[in-house]
Amino acid sequence: MPTYDYQCQSCGHEFEVFQSMKDDRLTDCPLDDCDGNVKRLIGTGAGIIFKGGGFYETDYRSDSYKKAAQADASAGKESKGSSEAKKSDSSASSSSTKAE
């Protein structure tokens, strides 16, 4: 059930009401000393929350975005692989120096 925002047209009092979508709109101000009419305000509402597996922001990306992401990922793997090869080369040379 949603929360609706209301504002009194007479006194300006703003309040929230948790009510069903099927319920009628409120018409009277809830303050005892005010009998003004209230107006339902347009709110931003709540954000959508997906629970469970399978809801990711990348699920609905364009094909061009997916291709660019794959290119970036493969470029990252290549540079990581070359840096690891350099590390293993340097460690091999240092271990051969120690063995002598």
N, C-alpha and C. Protein backbone atom coordinates (compact mmCIF):
# COMPACT_ATOMS: atom_id res chain seq x y z
N MET A 1 0.84 -1.18 0.00
CA MET A 1 0.00 0.00 0.00
C MET A 1 0.88 1.25 0.00
N PRO A 2 0.55 2.20 -0.83
CA PRO A 2 1.37 3.41 -0.93
C PRO A 2 1.07 4.44 0.16
N THR A 3 2.00 5.35 0.32
CA THR A 3 1.83 6.48 1.23
C THR A 3 1.54 7.70 0.36
N TYR A 4 0.47 8.40 0.69
CA TYR A 4 0.07 9.58 -0.07
C TYR A 4 0.32 10.84 0.74
N ASP A 5 0.76 11.89 0.07
CA ASP A 5 0.97 13.20 0.70
C ASP A 5 -0.24 14.07 0.42
N TYR A 6 -0.69 14.78 1.45
CA TYR A 6 -1.83 15.69 1.33
C TYR A 6 -1.43 17.04 1.89
N GLN A 7 -2.12 18.08 1.40
CA GLN A 7 -1.93 19.43 1.92
C GLN A 7 -3.28 20.11 2.06
N CYS A 8 -3.48 20.75 3.20
CA CYS A 8 -4.72 21.47 3.45
C CYS A 8 -4.69 22.78 2.65
N GLN A 9 -5.78 23.07 1.98
CA GLN A 9 -5.88 24.30 1.18
C GLN A 9 -6.11 25.54 2.05
N SER A 10 -6.60 25.34 3.29
CA SER A 10 -6.87 26.47 4.18
C SER A 10 -5.67 26.84 5.04
N CYS A 11 -5.16 25.86 5.80
CA CYS A 11 -4.09 26.17 6.75
C CYS A 11 -2.70 25.79 6.26
N GLY A 12 -2.60 25.05 5.16
CA GLY A 12 -1.31 24.67 4.60
C GLY A 12 -0.66 23.47 5.27
N HIS A 13 -1.37 22.81 6.20
CA HIS A 13 -0.84 21.64 6.91
C HIS A 13 -0.58 20.50 5.92
N GLU A 14 0.65 19.94 5.94
CA GLU A 14 1.00 18.82 5.08
C GLU A 14 1.13 17.57 5.93
N PHE A 15 0.62 16.46 5.41
CA PHE A 15 0.68 15.20 6.14
C PHE A 15 0.68 14.03 5.16
N GLU A 16 1.08 12.87 5.67
CA GLU A 16 1.13 11.65 4.88
C GLU A 16 0.11 10.66 5.41
N VAL A 17 -0.47 9.90 4.49
CA VAL A 17 -1.44 8.88 4.87
C VAL A 17 -1.09 7.59 4.14
N PHE A 18 -1.02 6.50 4.90
CA PHE A 18 -0.77 5.18 4.35
C PHE A 18 -2.12 4.55 4.07
N GLN A 19 -2.49 4.45 2.78
CA GLN A 19 -3.80 3.93 2.44
C GLN A 19 -3.75 3.14 1.14
N SER A 20 -4.76 2.32 0.96
CA SER A 20 -4.85 1.48 -0.22
C SER A 20 -5.14 2.34 -1.45
N MET A 21 -4.77 1.82 -2.60
CA MET A 21 -5.07 2.53 -3.84
C MET A 21 -6.56 2.56 -4.12
N LYS A 22 -7.28 1.63 -3.55
CA LYS A 22 -8.72 1.55 -3.75
C LYS A 22 -9.49 2.51 -2.85
N ASP A 23 -8.84 2.99 -1.79
CA ASP A 23 -9.51 3.91 -0.86
C ASP A 23 -9.79 5.25 -1.53
N ASP A 24 -10.87 5.90 -1.10
CA ASP A 24 -11.19 7.24 -1.60
C ASP A 24 -10.17 8.24 -1.07
N ARG A 25 -9.98 9.31 -1.82
CA ARG A 25 -9.09 10.38 -1.38
C ARG A 25 -9.67 11.05 -0.15
N LEU A 26 -8.77 11.56 0.70
CA LEU A 26 -9.22 12.33 1.85
C LEU A 26 -9.71 13.69 1.38
N THR A 27 -10.68 14.24 2.09
CA THR A 27 -11.23 15.54 1.70
C THR A 27 -11.11 16.59 2.79
N ASP A 28 -11.02 16.19 4.06
CA ASP A 28 -11.01 17.14 5.18
C ASP A 28 -9.66 17.13 5.90
N CYS A 29 -9.26 18.30 6.38
CA CYS A 29 -8.02 18.45 7.14
C CYS A 29 -8.14 17.71 8.47
N PRO A 30 -7.09 16.96 8.88
CA PRO A 30 -7.19 16.20 10.12
C PRO A 30 -7.02 17.04 11.39
N LEU A 31 -6.61 18.31 11.26
CA LEU A 31 -6.46 19.16 12.44
C LEU A 31 -7.83 19.52 13.00
N ASP A 32 -7.95 19.52 14.33
CA ASP A 32 -9.23 19.79 14.99
C ASP A 32 -9.74 21.20 14.74
N ASP A 33 -8.84 22.18 14.70
CA ASP A 33 -9.28 23.57 14.57
C ASP A 33 -9.40 24.03 13.11
N CYS A 34 -9.24 23.10 12.14
CA CYS A 34 -9.33 23.46 10.72
C CYS A 34 -10.32 22.53 10.03
N ASP A 35 -11.20 23.11 9.24
CA ASP A 35 -12.16 22.30 8.47
C ASP A 35 -11.93 22.47 6.98
N GLY A 36 -10.69 22.79 6.60
CA GLY A 36 -10.38 23.03 5.19
C GLY A 36 -10.33 21.75 4.37
N ASN A 37 -10.41 21.95 3.07
CA ASN A 37 -10.31 20.82 2.14
C ASN A 37 -8.83 20.50 1.91
N VAL A 38 -8.54 19.23 1.68
CA VAL A 38 -7.17 18.82 1.41
C VAL A 38 -7.03 18.40 -0.04
N LYS A 39 -5.80 18.53 -0.54
CA LYS A 39 -5.50 18.16 -1.90
C LYS A 39 -4.36 17.14 -1.86
N ARG A 40 -4.50 16.08 -2.65
CA ARG A 40 -3.42 15.08 -2.72
C ARG A 40 -2.29 15.65 -3.56
N LEU A 41 -1.08 15.58 -3.03
CA LEU A 41 0.09 16.09 -3.72
C LEU A 41 0.71 14.99 -4.59
N ILE A 42 1.36 15.42 -5.63
CA ILE A 42 2.06 14.48 -6.49
C ILE A 42 3.44 14.28 -5.91
N GLY A 43 3.75 13.06 -5.56
CA GLY A 43 5.04 12.75 -4.94
C GLY A 43 5.95 12.04 -5.91
N THR A 44 7.19 11.89 -5.50
CA THR A 44 8.15 11.18 -6.32
C THR A 44 7.98 9.68 -6.21
N GLY A 45 7.37 9.23 -5.14
CA GLY A 45 7.19 7.80 -4.96
C GLY A 45 8.49 7.15 -4.52
N ALA A 46 8.44 5.85 -4.43
CA ALA A 46 9.62 5.10 -4.00
C ALA A 46 10.32 4.51 -5.21
N GLY A 47 11.59 4.28 -5.07
CA GLY A 47 12.34 3.63 -6.14
C GLY A 47 11.98 2.16 -6.22
N ILE A 48 12.19 1.60 -7.38
CA ILE A 48 11.90 0.18 -7.56
C ILE A 48 13.06 -0.62 -6.98
N ILE A 49 12.73 -1.60 -6.19
CA ILE A 49 13.73 -2.46 -5.59
C ILE A 49 13.49 -3.87 -6.11
N PHE A 50 14.47 -4.39 -6.84
CA PHE A 50 14.38 -5.75 -7.33
C PHE A 50 15.07 -6.66 -6.34
N LYS A 51 14.38 -7.70 -5.92
CA LYS A 51 14.98 -8.67 -5.01
C LYS A 51 15.13 -9.99 -5.74
N GLY A 52 16.19 -10.67 -5.45
CA GLY A 52 16.41 -11.96 -6.08
C GLY A 52 17.47 -11.87 -7.16
N GLY A 53 17.80 -13.01 -7.70
CA GLY A 53 18.83 -13.06 -8.71
C GLY A 53 18.31 -12.68 -10.08
N GLY A 54 19.21 -12.21 -10.93
CA GLY A 54 18.85 -11.93 -12.30
C GLY A 54 18.50 -10.50 -12.63
N PHE A 55 18.52 -9.60 -11.66
CA PHE A 55 18.20 -8.20 -11.93
C PHE A 55 19.46 -7.37 -11.76
N TYR A 56 20.11 -7.10 -12.85
CA TYR A 56 21.33 -6.32 -12.82
C TYR A 56 21.20 -5.18 -13.81
N GLU A 57 21.90 -4.08 -13.53
CA GLU A 57 21.77 -2.91 -14.41
C GLU A 57 22.34 -3.19 -15.79
N THR A 58 23.22 -4.17 -15.91
CA THR A 58 23.80 -4.47 -17.21
C THR A 58 22.95 -5.42 -18.04
N ASP A 59 21.87 -5.93 -17.48
CA ASP A 59 21.02 -6.86 -18.23
C ASP A 59 20.37 -6.21 -19.44
N TYR A 60 20.12 -4.93 -19.39
CA TYR A 60 19.35 -4.27 -20.44
C TYR A 60 20.18 -3.22 -21.17
N ARG A 61 21.48 -3.38 -21.21
CA ARG A 61 22.35 -2.44 -21.90
C ARG A 61 22.26 -2.65 -23.41
N SER A 62 22.62 -1.63 -24.16
CA SER A 62 22.61 -1.70 -25.62
C SER A 62 23.75 -2.61 -26.10
N ASP A 63 23.64 -3.08 -27.35
CA ASP A 63 24.66 -3.95 -27.91
C ASP A 63 26.01 -3.24 -28.02
N SER A 64 25.98 -1.95 -28.38
CA SER A 64 27.24 -1.21 -28.51
C SER A 64 27.93 -1.09 -27.16
N TYR A 65 27.17 -0.92 -26.09
CA TYR A 65 27.76 -0.84 -24.75
C TYR A 65 28.39 -2.18 -24.37
N LYS A 66 27.69 -3.27 -24.68
CA LYS A 66 28.21 -4.60 -24.34
C LYS A 66 29.50 -4.89 -25.10
N LYS A 67 29.56 -4.50 -26.38
CA LYS A 67 30.77 -4.72 -27.17
C LYS A 67 31.94 -3.91 -26.61
N ALA A 68 31.69 -2.66 -26.24
CA ALA A 68 32.74 -1.82 -25.68
C ALA A 68 33.22 -2.38 -24.34
N ALA A 69 32.30 -2.89 -23.53
CA ALA A 69 32.67 -3.48 -22.24
C ALA A 69 33.52 -4.73 -22.44
N GLN A 70 33.18 -5.54 -23.43
CA GLN A 70 33.98 -6.73 -23.71
C GLN A 70 35.37 -6.35 -24.19
N ALA A 71 35.46 -5.32 -25.02
CA ALA A 71 36.76 -4.86 -25.51
C ALA A 71 37.62 -4.36 -24.35
N ASP A 72 37.01 -3.61 -23.44
CA ASP A 72 37.74 -3.12 -22.27
C ASP A 72 38.21 -4.28 -21.40
N ALA A 73 37.34 -5.26 -21.21
CA ALA A 73 37.69 -6.41 -20.38
C ALA A 73 38.83 -7.20 -21.00
N SER A 74 38.79 -7.42 -22.31
CA SER A 74 39.86 -8.18 -22.95
C SER A 74 41.16 -7.39 -22.96
N ALA A 75 41.08 -6.08 -23.10
CA ALA A 75 42.29 -5.24 -23.05
C ALA A 75 42.89 -5.28 -21.65
N GLY A 76 42.06 -5.31 -20.65
CA GLY A 76 42.53 -5.40 -19.27
C GLY A 76 43.20 -6.73 -19.00
N LYS A 77 42.67 -7.80 -19.55
CA LYS A 77 43.27 -9.13 -19.35
C LYS A 77 44.63 -9.21 -20.04
N GLU A 78 44.74 -8.61 -21.23
CA GLU A 78 46.01 -8.64 -21.95
C GLU A 78 47.08 -7.88 -21.19
N SER A 79 46.75 -6.71 -20.67
CA SER A 79 47.74 -5.93 -19.94
C SER A 79 48.09 -6.61 -18.62
N LYS A 80 47.14 -7.25 -17.99
CA LYS A 80 47.40 -7.97 -16.75
C LYS A 80 48.29 -9.17 -17.02
N GLY A 81 48.03 -9.89 -18.12
CA GLY A 81 48.84 -11.04 -18.49
C GLY A 81 50.27 -10.65 -18.79
N SER A 82 50.48 -9.54 -19.47
CA SER A 82 51.85 -9.11 -19.79
C SER A 82 52.58 -8.66 -18.54
N SER A 83 51.89 -8.04 -17.59
CA SER A 83 52.55 -7.62 -16.36
C SER A 83 52.89 -8.83 -15.49
N GLU A 84 52.05 -9.86 -15.52
CA GLU A 84 52.36 -11.08 -14.78
C GLU A 84 53.54 -11.80 -15.40
N ALA A 85 53.64 -11.77 -16.73
CA ALA A 85 54.77 -12.40 -17.42
C ALA A 85 56.05 -11.69 -17.05
N LYS A 86 56.01 -10.36 -16.96
CA LYS A 86 57.19 -9.60 -16.56
C LYS A 86 57.60 -9.96 -15.15
N LYS A 87 56.62 -10.12 -14.25
CA LYS A 87 56.91 -10.48 -12.87
C LYS A 87 57.57 -11.86 -12.80
N SER A 88 57.04 -12.82 -13.56
CA SER A 88 57.60 -14.17 -13.53
C SER A 88 58.98 -14.19 -14.15
N ASP A 89 59.23 -13.37 -15.19
CA ASP A 89 60.56 -13.29 -15.78
C ASP A 89 61.57 -12.72 -14.79
N SER A 90 61.19 -11.67 -14.09
CA SER A 90 62.09 -11.04 -13.15
C SER A 90 62.35 -11.94 -11.96
N SER A 91 61.33 -12.69 -11.51
CA SER A 91 61.54 -13.60 -10.38
C SER A 91 62.39 -14.78 -10.80
N ALA A 92 62.27 -15.23 -12.05
CA ALA A 92 63.08 -16.34 -12.55
C ALA A 92 64.54 -15.91 -12.65
N SER A 93 64.78 -14.70 -13.12
CA SER A 93 66.15 -14.23 -13.25
C SER A 93 66.77 -14.00 -11.89
N SER A 94 65.97 -13.52 -10.93
CA SER A 94 66.51 -13.31 -9.59
C SER A 94 66.78 -14.62 -8.89
N SER A 95 65.95 -15.65 -9.14
CA SER A 95 66.19 -16.94 -8.53
C SER A 95 67.41 -17.63 -9.15
N SER A 96 67.66 -17.40 -10.44
CA SER A 96 68.84 -17.98 -11.07
C SER A 96 70.11 -17.29 -10.59
N THR A 97 70.00 -16.00 -10.26
CA THR A 97 71.13 -15.26 -9.73
C THR A 97 71.47 -15.77 -8.33
N LYS A 98 70.45 -16.06 -7.54
CA LYS A 98 70.64 -16.56 -6.18
C LYS A 98 71.24 -17.96 -6.19
N ALA A 99 70.87 -18.77 -7.18
CA ALA A 99 71.35 -20.15 -7.23
C ALA A 99 72.84 -20.22 -7.52
N GLU A 100 73.36 -19.24 -8.19
CA GLU A 100 74.80 -19.25 -8.54
C GLU A 100 75.60 -18.93 -7.38
